[in-house]
Amino acid sequence: MSTLPVYRWRLAPEGLATFRQVRAMGLRPGGQPVAAQLERPRRRRGPLVAYLYRIDRAKPVRPMTAAKRAALDRANAARRICPECRRDVGYRIPLSLGM
């Protein structure tokens, strides 16, 4: 079992990015394994951990098709329906409230 390199907060080398940073670039990790780990120390608890991916191995995000968009719209519409009164409440009801 190999261990991942661990970098301190804001000290990761160029060419590595977190999942959110990769997505902000219009890319996706594309099935690649985690390349390294980023740790941010905290005072009272364990460190915050973020996994880093190689940018050069990232793939472009797949485009949204009309069928995917329609399915997503239907799923979001279903989450707006109140389970008790069956009315559209105008916002997505959190899963913790019964959905």
PDB file of N, CA and C in Angstrom:
ATOM      1  N   MET A   1       0.842  -1.173   0.000  1.00  0.00           N
ATOM      2  CA  MET A   1       0.000   0.000   0.000  1.00  0.00           C
ATOM      3  C   MET A   1       0.891   1.242   0.000  1.00  0.00           C
ATOM      4  N   SER A   2       0.687   2.103  -0.965  1.00  0.00           N
ATOM      5  CA  SER A   2       1.476   3.330  -1.027  1.00  0.00           C
ATOM      6  C   SER A   2       0.728   4.452  -0.310  1.00  0.00           C
ATOM      7  N   THR A   3       1.473   5.341   0.274  1.00  0.00           N
ATOM      8  CA  THR A   3       0.854   6.468   0.958  1.00  0.00           C
ATOM      9  C   THR A   3       0.884   7.685   0.051  1.00  0.00           C
ATOM     10  N   LEU A   4      -0.062   8.561   0.256  1.00  0.00           N
ATOM     11  CA  LEU A   4      -0.147   9.774  -0.545  1.00  0.00           C
ATOM     12  C   LEU A   4       0.780  10.844   0.014  1.00  0.00           C
ATOM     13  N   PRO A   5       1.357  11.678  -0.859  1.00  0.00           N
ATOM     14  CA  PRO A   5       2.096  12.830  -0.350  1.00  0.00           C
ATOM     15  C   PRO A   5       1.122  13.789   0.339  1.00  0.00           C
ATOM     16  N   VAL A   6       1.554  14.380   1.434  1.00  0.00           N
ATOM     17  CA  VAL A   6       0.715  15.309   2.188  1.00  0.00           C
ATOM     18  C   VAL A   6       1.358  16.686   2.133  1.00  0.00           C
ATOM     19  N   TYR A   7       0.564  17.691   1.738  1.00  0.00           N
ATOM     20  CA  TYR A   7       1.036  19.071   1.670  1.00  0.00           C
ATOM     21  C   TYR A   7       0.269  19.917   2.670  1.00  0.00           C
ATOM     22  N   ARG A   8       0.931  20.946   3.175  1.00  0.00           N
ATOM     23  CA  ARG A   8       0.284  21.876   4.082  1.00  0.00           C
ATOM     24  C   ARG A   8      -0.606  22.823   3.285  1.00  0.00           C
ATOM     25  N   TRP A   9      -1.513  23.474   3.975  1.00  0.00           N
ATOM     26  CA  TRP A   9      -2.460  24.415   3.377  1.00  0.00           C
ATOM     27  C   TRP A   9      -1.715  25.473   2.575  1.00  0.00           C
ATOM     28  N   ARG A  10      -2.145  25.702   1.336  1.00  0.00           N
ATOM     29  CA  ARG A  10      -1.597  26.688   0.402  1.00  0.00           C
ATOM     30  C   ARG A  10      -0.176  26.378  -0.085  1.00  0.00           C
ATOM     31  N   LEU A  11       0.315  25.174   0.162  1.00  0.00           N
ATOM     32  CA  LEU A  11       1.672  24.836  -0.264  1.00  0.00           C
ATOM     33  C   LEU A  11       1.707  23.682  -1.262  1.00  0.00           C
ATOM     34  N   ALA A  12       0.607  23.417  -1.913  1.00  0.00           N
ATOM     35  CA  ALA A  12       0.570  22.340  -2.906  1.00  0.00           C
ATOM     36  C   ALA A  12       1.320  22.787  -4.163  1.00  0.00           C
ATOM     37  N   PRO A  13       2.007  21.878  -4.832  1.00  0.00           N
ATOM     38  CA  PRO A  13       2.745  22.250  -6.041  1.00  0.00           C
ATOM     39  C   PRO A  13       1.807  22.555  -7.210  1.00  0.00           C
ATOM     40  N   GLU A  14       2.357  23.235  -8.192  1.00  0.00           N
ATOM     41  CA  GLU A  14       1.605  23.520  -9.416  1.00  0.00           C
ATOM     42  C   GLU A  14       1.246  22.200 -10.099  1.00  0.00           C
ATOM     43  N   GLY A  15       0.125  22.178 -10.772  1.00  0.00           N
ATOM     44  CA  GLY A  15      -0.282  20.973 -11.484  1.00  0.00           C
ATOM     45  C   GLY A  15      -1.217  20.084 -10.696  1.00  0.00           C
ATOM     46  N   LEU A  16      -1.460  20.412  -9.420  1.00  0.00           N
ATOM     47  CA  LEU A  16      -2.415  19.676  -8.596  1.00  0.00           C
ATOM     48  C   LEU A  16      -3.541  20.616  -8.195  1.00  0.00           C
ATOM     49  N   ALA A  17      -4.763  20.081  -8.144  1.00  0.00           N
ATOM     50  CA  ALA A  17      -5.917  20.899  -7.788  1.00  0.00           C
ATOM     51  C   ALA A  17      -6.950  20.043  -7.073  1.00  0.00           C
ATOM     52  N   THR A  18      -7.765  20.690  -6.247  1.00  0.00           N
ATOM     53  CA  THR A  18      -8.858  19.990  -5.578  1.00  0.00           C
ATOM     54  C   THR A  18      -9.964  19.711  -6.588  1.00  0.00           C
ATOM     55  N   PHE A  19     -10.934  18.902  -6.189  1.00  0.00           N
ATOM     56  CA  PHE A  19     -12.045  18.566  -7.083  1.00  0.00           C
ATOM     57  C   PHE A  19     -12.772  19.833  -7.528  1.00  0.00           C
ATOM     58  N   ARG A  20     -13.052  20.723  -6.585  1.00  0.00           N
ATOM     59  CA  ARG A  20     -13.768  21.955  -6.939  1.00  0.00           C
ATOM     60  C   ARG A  20     -12.950  22.834  -7.879  1.00  0.00           C
ATOM     61  N   GLN A  21     -11.653  22.894  -7.686  1.00  0.00           N
ATOM     62  CA  GLN A  21     -10.808  23.676  -8.578  1.00  0.00           C
ATOM     63  C   GLN A  21     -10.781  23.068  -9.975  1.00  0.00           C
ATOM     64  N   VAL A  22     -10.733  21.747 -10.048  1.00  0.00           N
ATOM     65  CA  VAL A  22     -10.756  21.062 -11.347  1.00  0.00           C
ATOM     66  C   VAL A  22     -12.071  21.360 -12.054  1.00  0.00           C
ATOM     67  N   ARG A  23     -13.192  21.287 -11.323  1.00  0.00           N
ATOM     68  CA  ARG A  23     -14.496  21.576 -11.926  1.00  0.00           C
ATOM     69  C   ARG A  23     -14.601  23.031 -12.373  1.00  0.00           C
ATOM     70  N   ALA A  24     -14.024  23.948 -11.615  1.00  0.00           N
ATOM     71  CA  ALA A  24     -14.055  25.363 -11.987  1.00  0.00           C
ATOM     72  C   ALA A  24     -13.285  25.619 -13.283  1.00  0.00           C
ATOM     73  N   MET A  25     -12.344  24.753 -13.613  1.00  0.00           N
ATOM     74  CA  MET A  25     -11.593  24.861 -14.865  1.00  0.00           C
ATOM     75  C   MET A  25     -12.342  24.239 -16.037  1.00  0.00           C
ATOM     76  N   GLY A  26     -13.539  23.693 -15.770  1.00  0.00           N
ATOM     77  CA  GLY A  26     -14.293  23.037 -16.832  1.00  0.00           C
ATOM     78  C   GLY A  26     -13.824  21.620 -17.095  1.00  0.00           C
ATOM     79  N   LEU A  27     -13.193  21.015 -16.093  1.00  0.00           N
ATOM     80  CA  LEU A  27     -12.664  19.661 -16.233  1.00  0.00           C
ATOM     81  C   LEU A  27     -13.276  18.758 -15.175  1.00  0.00           C
ATOM     82  N   ARG A  28     -12.961  17.463 -15.273  1.00  0.00           N
ATOM     83  CA  ARG A  28     -13.368  16.478 -14.273  1.00  0.00           C
ATOM     84  C   ARG A  28     -12.176  15.561 -14.038  1.00  0.00           C
ATOM     85  N   PRO A  29     -12.071  14.959 -12.840  1.00  0.00           N
ATOM     86  CA  PRO A  29     -10.925  14.078 -12.587  1.00  0.00           C
ATOM     87  C   PRO A  29     -10.832  12.917 -13.577  1.00  0.00           C
ATOM     88  N   GLY A  30     -11.937  12.436 -14.079  1.00  0.00           N
ATOM     89  CA  GLY A  30     -11.908  11.424 -15.128  1.00  0.00           C
ATOM     90  C   GLY A  30     -11.452  10.052 -14.681  1.00  0.00           C
ATOM     91  N   GLY A  31     -11.739   9.673 -13.451  1.00  0.00           N
ATOM     92  CA  GLY A  31     -11.409   8.338 -12.985  1.00  0.00           C
ATOM     93  C   GLY A  31      -9.984   8.159 -12.494  1.00  0.00           C
ATOM     94  N   GLN A  32      -9.201   9.209 -12.502  1.00  0.00           N
ATOM     95  CA  GLN A  32      -7.823   9.085 -12.026  1.00  0.00           C
ATOM     96  C   GLN A  32      -7.797   8.951 -10.503  1.00  0.00           C
ATOM     97  N   PRO A  33      -6.797   8.284  -9.970  1.00  0.00           N
ATOM     98  CA  PRO A  33      -6.710   8.172  -8.507  1.00  0.00           C
ATOM     99  C   PRO A  33      -6.275   9.501  -7.892  1.00  0.00           C
ATOM    100  N   VAL A  34      -6.494   9.634  -6.610  1.00  0.00           N
ATOM    101  CA  VAL A  34      -6.058  10.821  -5.876  1.00  0.00           C
ATOM    102  C   VAL A  34      -4.531  10.865  -5.915  1.00  0.00           C
ATOM    103  N   ALA A  35      -3.971  12.032  -6.254  1.00  0.00           N
ATOM    104  CA  ALA A  35      -2.523  12.155  -6.399  1.00  0.00           C
ATOM    105  C   ALA A  35      -1.838  12.587  -5.106  1.00  0.00           C
ATOM    106  N   ALA A  36      -2.523  13.386  -4.297  1.00  0.00           N
ATOM    107  CA  ALA A  36      -1.925  13.883  -3.055  1.00  0.00           C
ATOM    108  C   ALA A  36      -3.034  14.334  -2.119  1.00  0.00           C
ATOM    109  N   GLN A  37      -2.612  14.782  -0.957  1.00  0.00           N
ATOM    110  CA  GLN A  37      -3.563  15.194   0.066  1.00  0.00           C
ATOM    111  C   GLN A  37      -3.120  16.549   0.608  1.00  0.00           C
ATOM    112  N   LEU A  38      -4.087  17.420   0.857  1.00  0.00           N
ATOM    113  CA  LEU A  38      -3.819  18.741   1.398  1.00  0.00           C
ATOM    114  C   LEU A  38      -4.412  18.800   2.794  1.00  0.00           C
ATOM    115  N   GLU A  39      -3.643  19.272   3.773  1.00  0.00           N
ATOM    116  CA  GLU A  39      -4.141  19.346   5.144  1.00  0.00           C
ATOM    117  C   GLU A  39      -4.106  20.777   5.643  1.00  0.00           C
ATOM    118  N   ARG A  40      -5.213  21.174   6.263  1.00  0.00           N
ATOM    119  CA  ARG A  40      -5.304  22.485   6.891  1.00  0.00           C
ATOM    120  C   ARG A  40      -5.474  22.267   8.384  1.00  0.00           C
ATOM    121  N   PRO A  41      -4.516  22.680   9.187  1.00  0.00           N
ATOM    122  CA  PRO A  41      -4.628  22.433  10.626  1.00  0.00           C
ATOM    123  C   PRO A  41      -5.752  23.247  11.258  1.00  0.00           C
ATOM    124  N   ARG A  42      -6.338  22.664  12.296  1.00  0.00           N
ATOM    125  CA  ARG A  42      -7.361  23.351  13.085  1.00  0.00           C
ATOM    126  C   ARG A  42      -6.955  23.284  14.549  1.00  0.00           C
ATOM    127  N   ARG A  43      -7.489  24.172  15.354  1.00  0.00           N
ATOM    128  CA  ARG A  43      -7.066  24.255  16.750  1.00  0.00           C
ATOM    129  C   ARG A  43      -7.570  23.107  17.606  1.00  0.00           C
ATOM    130  N   ARG A  44      -8.843  22.789  17.530  1.00  0.00           N
ATOM    131  CA  ARG A  44      -9.424  21.847  18.484  1.00  0.00           C
ATOM    132  C   ARG A  44      -9.720  20.469  17.909  1.00  0.00           C
ATOM    133  N   ARG A  45      -9.734  20.353  16.612  1.00  0.00           N
ATOM    134  CA  ARG A  45     -10.062  19.063  15.998  1.00  0.00           C
ATOM    135  C   ARG A  45      -8.950  18.647  15.054  1.00  0.00           C
ATOM    136  N   GLY A  46      -9.160  17.519  14.419  1.00  0.00           N
ATOM    137  CA  GLY A  46      -8.187  17.048  13.443  1.00  0.00           C
ATOM    138  C   GLY A  46      -8.144  17.971  12.235  1.00  0.00           C
ATOM    139  N   PRO A  47      -7.125  17.850  11.411  1.00  0.00           N
ATOM    140  CA  PRO A  47      -6.990  18.752  10.268  1.00  0.00           C
ATOM    141  C   PRO A  47      -8.070  18.509   9.210  1.00  0.00           C
ATOM    142  N   LEU A  48      -8.402  19.584   8.488  1.00  0.00           N
ATOM    143  CA  LEU A  48      -9.275  19.453   7.327  1.00  0.00           C
ATOM    144  C   LEU A  48      -8.442  18.846   6.206  1.00  0.00           C
ATOM    145  N   VAL A  49      -9.037  17.925   5.483  1.00  0.00           N
ATOM    146  CA  VAL A  49      -8.308  17.216   4.433  1.00  0.00           C
ATOM    147  C   VAL A  49      -8.998  17.453   3.097  1.00  0.00           C
ATOM    148  N   ALA A  50      -8.209  17.749   2.089  1.00  0.00           N
ATOM    149  CA  ALA A  50      -8.709  17.870   0.722  1.00  0.00           C
ATOM    150  C   ALA A  50      -7.827  17.000  -0.168  1.00  0.00           C
ATOM    151  N   TYR A  51      -8.446  16.289  -1.082  1.00  0.00           N
ATOM    152  CA  TYR A  51      -7.694  15.434  -1.991  1.00  0.00           C
ATOM    153  C   TYR A  51      -7.352  16.208  -3.257  1.00  0.00           C
ATOM    154  N   LEU A  52      -6.169  15.982  -3.766  1.00  0.00           N
ATOM    155  CA  LEU A  52      -5.675  16.694  -4.938  1.00  0.00           C
ATOM    156  C   LEU A  52      -5.567  15.750  -6.132  1.00  0.00           C
ATOM    157  N   TYR A  53      -5.899  16.295  -7.307  1.00  0.00           N
ATOM    158  CA  TYR A  53      -5.856  15.544  -8.561  1.00  0.00           C
ATOM    159  C   TYR A  53      -4.901  16.239  -9.521  1.00  0.00           C
ATOM    160  N   ARG A  54      -4.317  15.465 -10.417  1.00  0.00           N
ATOM    161  CA  ARG A  54      -3.424  16.025 -11.425  1.00  0.00           C
ATOM    162  C   ARG A  54      -4.248  16.701 -12.513  1.00  0.00           C
ATOM    163  N   ILE A  55      -3.902  17.936 -12.818  1.00  0.00           N
ATOM    164  CA  ILE A  55      -4.641  18.698 -13.824  1.00  0.00           C
ATOM    165  C   ILE A  55      -4.367  18.156 -15.222  1.00  0.00           C
ATOM    166  N   ASP A  56      -3.149  17.695 -15.485  1.00  0.00           N
ATOM    167  CA  ASP A  56      -2.815  17.215 -16.828  1.00  0.00           C
ATOM    168  C   ASP A  56      -3.552  15.926 -17.190  1.00  0.00           C
ATOM    169  N   ARG A  57      -4.032  15.189 -16.200  1.00  0.00           N
ATOM    170  CA  ARG A  57      -4.797  13.962 -16.458  1.00  0.00           C
ATOM    171  C   ARG A  57      -6.307  14.195 -16.459  1.00  0.00           C
ATOM    172  N   ALA A  58      -6.736  15.400 -16.109  1.00  0.00           N
ATOM    173  CA  ALA A  58      -8.167  15.698 -16.051  1.00  0.00           C
ATOM    174  C   ALA A  58      -8.754  15.728 -17.459  1.00  0.00           C
ATOM    175  N   LYS A  59     -10.023  15.370 -17.543  1.00  0.00           N
ATOM    176  CA  LYS A  59     -10.717  15.325 -18.829  1.00  0.00           C
ATOM    177  C   LYS A  59     -11.781  16.414 -18.877  1.00  0.00           C
ATOM    178  N   PRO A  60     -12.200  16.815 -20.073  1.00  0.00           N
ATOM    179  CA  PRO A  60     -13.254  17.829 -20.164  1.00  0.00           C
ATOM    180  C   PRO A  60     -14.570  17.311 -19.586  1.00  0.00           C
ATOM    181  N   VAL A  61     -15.362  18.232 -19.059  1.00  0.00           N
ATOM    182  CA  VAL A  61     -16.680  17.882 -18.535  1.00  0.00           C
ATOM    183  C   VAL A  61     -17.567  17.486 -19.709  1.00  0.00           C
ATOM    184  N   ARG A  62     -18.339  16.445 -19.502  1.00  0.00           N
ATOM    185  CA  ARG A  62     -19.256  16.022 -20.563  1.00  0.00           C
ATOM    186  C   ARG A  62     -20.351  17.073 -20.733  1.00  0.00           C
ATOM    187  N   PRO A  63     -20.732  17.377 -21.974  1.00  0.00           N
ATOM    188  CA  PRO A  63     -21.753  18.409 -22.183  1.00  0.00           C
ATOM    189  C   PRO A  63     -23.130  17.937 -21.717  1.00  0.00           C
ATOM    190  N   MET A  64     -23.953  18.890 -21.295  1.00  0.00           N
ATOM    191  CA  MET A  64     -25.314  18.601 -20.857  1.00  0.00           C
ATOM    192  C   MET A  64     -26.187  18.388 -22.095  1.00  0.00           C
ATOM    193  N   THR A  65     -26.788  17.218 -22.197  1.00  0.00           N
ATOM    194  CA  THR A  65     -27.677  16.931 -23.319  1.00  0.00           C
ATOM    195  C   THR A  65     -29.095  17.353 -22.959  1.00  0.00           C
ATOM    196  N   ALA A  66     -29.955  17.409 -23.955  1.00  0.00           N
ATOM    197  CA  ALA A  66     -31.352  17.780 -23.716  1.00  0.00           C
ATOM    198  C   ALA A  66     -32.039  16.756 -22.818  1.00  0.00           C
ATOM    199  N   ALA A  67     -31.721  15.478 -22.990  1.00  0.00           N
ATOM    200  CA  ALA A  67     -32.328  14.435 -22.161  1.00  0.00           C
ATOM    201  C   ALA A  67     -31.871  14.557 -20.705  1.00  0.00           C
ATOM    202  N   LYS A  68     -30.586  14.842 -20.490  1.00  0.00           N
ATOM    203  CA  LYS A  68     -30.089  15.029 -19.123  1.00  0.00           C
ATOM    204  C   LYS A  68     -30.735  16.248 -18.476  1.00  0.00           C
ATOM    205  N   ARG A  69     -30.859  17.330 -19.233  1.00  0.00           N
ATOM    206  CA  ARG A  69     -31.475  18.555 -18.712  1.00  0.00           C
ATOM    207  C   ARG A  69     -32.925  18.295 -18.321  1.00  0.00           C
ATOM    208  N   ALA A  70     -33.667  17.563 -19.165  1.00  0.00           N
ATOM    209  CA  ALA A  70     -35.068  17.262 -18.865  1.00  0.00           C
ATOM    210  C   ALA A  70     -35.178  16.388 -17.618  1.00  0.00           C
ATOM    211  N   ALA A  71     -34.306  15.393 -17.482  1.00  0.00           N
ATOM    212  CA  ALA A  71     -34.331  14.528 -16.303  1.00  0.00           C
ATOM    213  C   ALA A  71     -33.999  15.318 -15.042  1.00  0.00           C
ATOM    214  N   LEU A  72     -33.043  16.219 -15.121  1.00  0.00           N
ATOM    215  CA  LEU A  72     -32.683  17.051 -13.977  1.00  0.00           C
ATOM    216  C   LEU A  72     -33.825  17.986 -13.592  1.00  0.00           C
ATOM    217  N   ASP A  73     -34.494  18.558 -14.583  1.00  0.00           N
ATOM    218  CA  ASP A  73     -35.648  19.423 -14.310  1.00  0.00           C
ATOM    219  C   ASP A  73     -36.770  18.651 -13.625  1.00  0.00           C
ATOM    220  N   ARG A  74     -37.020  17.417 -14.070  1.00  0.00           N
ATOM    221  CA  ARG A  74     -38.066  16.596 -13.433  1.00  0.00           C
ATOM    222  C   ARG A  74     -37.697  16.240 -11.996  1.00  0.00           C
ATOM    223  N   ALA A  75     -36.424  15.907 -11.766  1.00  0.00           N
ATOM    224  CA  ALA A  75     -35.981  15.557 -10.414  1.00  0.00           C
ATOM    225  C   ALA A  75     -36.095  16.754  -9.476  1.00  0.00           C
ATOM    226  N   ASN A  76     -35.706  17.930  -9.946  1.00  0.00           N
ATOM    227  CA  ASN A  76     -35.819  19.129  -9.113  1.00  0.00           C
ATOM    228  C   ASN A  76     -37.274  19.497  -8.863  1.00  0.00           C
ATOM    229  N   ALA A  77     -38.124  19.307  -9.851  1.00  0.00           N
ATOM    230  CA  ALA A  77     -39.554  19.580  -9.659  1.00  0.00           C
ATOM    231  C   ALA A  77     -40.142  18.641  -8.616  1.00  0.00           C
ATOM    232  N   ALA A  78     -39.726  17.383  -8.622  1.00  0.00           N
ATOM    233  CA  ALA A  78     -40.226  16.425  -7.637  1.00  0.00           C
ATOM    234  C   ALA A  78     -39.786  16.811  -6.228  1.00  0.00           C
ATOM    235  N   ARG A  79     -38.619  17.397  -6.081  1.00  0.00           N
ATOM    236  CA  ARG A  79     -38.143  17.806  -4.751  1.00  0.00           C
ATOM    237  C   ARG A  79     -38.824  19.067  -4.255  1.00  0.00           C
ATOM    238  N   ARG A  80     -39.522  19.790  -5.132  1.00  0.00           N
ATOM    239  CA  ARG A  80     -40.242  20.991  -4.704  1.00  0.00           C
ATOM    240  C   ARG A  80     -41.649  20.686  -4.206  1.00  0.00           C
ATOM    241  N   ILE A  81     -42.125  19.454  -4.418  1.00  0.00           N
ATOM    242  CA  ILE A  81     -43.483  19.079  -4.013  1.00  0.00           C
ATOM    243  C   ILE A  81     -43.482  18.703  -2.533  1.00  0.00           C
ATOM    244  N   CYS A  82     -44.356  19.345  -1.758  1.00  0.00           N
ATOM    245  CA  CYS A  82     -44.483  19.040  -0.334  1.00  0.00           C
ATOM    246  C   CYS A  82     -45.097  17.650  -0.185  1.00  0.00           C
ATOM    247  N   PRO A  83     -44.489  16.752   0.625  1.00  0.00           N
ATOM    248  CA  PRO A  83     -45.027  15.396   0.754  1.00  0.00           C
ATOM    249  C   PRO A  83     -46.359  15.341   1.499  1.00  0.00           C
ATOM    250  N   GLU A  84     -46.688  16.366   2.278  1.00  0.00           N
ATOM    251  CA  GLU A  84     -47.937  16.355   3.042  1.00  0.00           C
ATOM    252  C   GLU A  84     -49.098  16.954   2.261  1.00  0.00           C
ATOM    253  N   CYS A  85     -48.901  18.138   1.696  1.00  0.00           N
ATOM    254  CA  CYS A  85     -50.020  18.813   1.023  1.00  0.00           C
ATOM    255  C   CYS A  85     -49.969  18.682  -0.496  1.00  0.00           C
ATOM    256  N   ARG A  86     -48.888  18.112  -1.034  1.00  0.00           N
ATOM    257  CA  ARG A  86     -48.728  17.868  -2.474  1.00  0.00           C
ATOM    258  C   ARG A  86     -48.748  19.156  -3.298  1.00  0.00           C
ATOM    259  N   ARG A  87     -48.287  20.279  -2.718  1.00  0.00           N
ATOM    260  CA  ARG A  87     -48.212  21.548  -3.446  1.00  0.00           C
ATOM    261  C   ARG A  87     -46.764  21.868  -3.777  1.00  0.00           C
ATOM    262  N   ASP A  88     -46.566  22.600  -4.869  1.00  0.00           N
ATOM    263  CA  ASP A  88     -45.238  23.075  -5.238  1.00  0.00           C
ATOM    264  C   ASP A  88     -44.922  24.267  -4.337  1.00  0.00           C
ATOM    265  N   VAL A  89     -43.891  24.136  -3.491  1.00  0.00           N
ATOM    266  CA  VAL A  89     -43.578  25.189  -2.529  1.00  0.00           C
ATOM    267  C   VAL A  89     -42.632  26.243  -3.102  1.00  0.00           C
ATOM    268  N   GLY A  90     -42.108  26.052  -4.294  1.00  0.00           N
ATOM    269  CA  GLY A  90     -41.289  27.054  -4.951  1.00  0.00           C
ATOM    270  C   GLY A  90     -39.799  26.965  -4.667  1.00  0.00           C
ATOM    271  N   TYR A  91     -39.381  26.023  -3.834  1.00  0.00           N
ATOM    272  CA  TYR A  91     -37.965  25.819  -3.553  1.00  0.00           C
ATOM    273  C   TYR A  91     -37.741  24.337  -3.301  1.00  0.00           C
ATOM    274  N   ARG A  92     -36.493  23.903  -3.391  1.00  0.00           N
ATOM    275  CA  ARG A  92     -36.191  22.487  -3.148  1.00  0.00           C
ATOM    276  C   ARG A  92     -36.250  22.203  -1.661  1.00  0.00           C
ATOM    277  N   ILE A  93     -37.086  21.252  -1.266  1.00  0.00           N
ATOM    278  CA  ILE A  93     -37.230  20.874   0.133  1.00  0.00           C
ATOM    279  C   ILE A  93     -36.017  20.035   0.528  1.00  0.00           C
ATOM    280  N   PRO A  94     -35.340  20.377   1.638  1.00  0.00           N
ATOM    281  CA  PRO A  94     -34.177  19.591   2.065  1.00  0.00           C
ATOM    282  C   PRO A  94     -34.552  18.144   2.361  1.00  0.00           C
ATOM    283  N   LEU A  95     -33.628  17.238   2.111  1.00  0.00           N
ATOM    284  CA  LEU A  95     -33.872  15.822   2.363  1.00  0.00           C
ATOM    285  C   LEU A  95     -34.149  15.555   3.839  1.00  0.00           C
ATOM    286  N   SER A  96     -33.594  16.380   4.719  1.00  0.00           N
ATOM    287  CA  SER A  96     -33.802  16.182   6.156  1.00  0.00           C
ATOM    288  C   SER A  96     -35.238  16.463   6.582  1.00  0.00           C
ATOM    289  N   LEU A  97     -36.023  17.101   5.727  1.00  0.00           N
ATOM    290  CA  LEU A  97     -37.400  17.435   6.072  1.00  0.00           C
ATOM    291  C   LEU A  97     -38.412  16.498   5.435  1.00  0.00           C
ATOM    292  N   GLY A  98     -37.999  15.311   5.094  1.00  0.00           N
ATOM    293  CA  GLY A  98     -38.970  14.319   4.670  1.00  0.00           C
ATOM    294  C   GLY A  98     -38.945  13.899   3.229  1.00  0.00           C
ATOM    295  N   MET A  99     -38.027  14.364   2.453  1.00  0.00           N
ATOM    296  CA  MET A  99     -37.991  13.949   1.049  1.00  0.00           C
ATOM    297  C   MET A  99     -37.090  12.751   0.887  1.00  0.00           C
TER     298      MET A  99
END
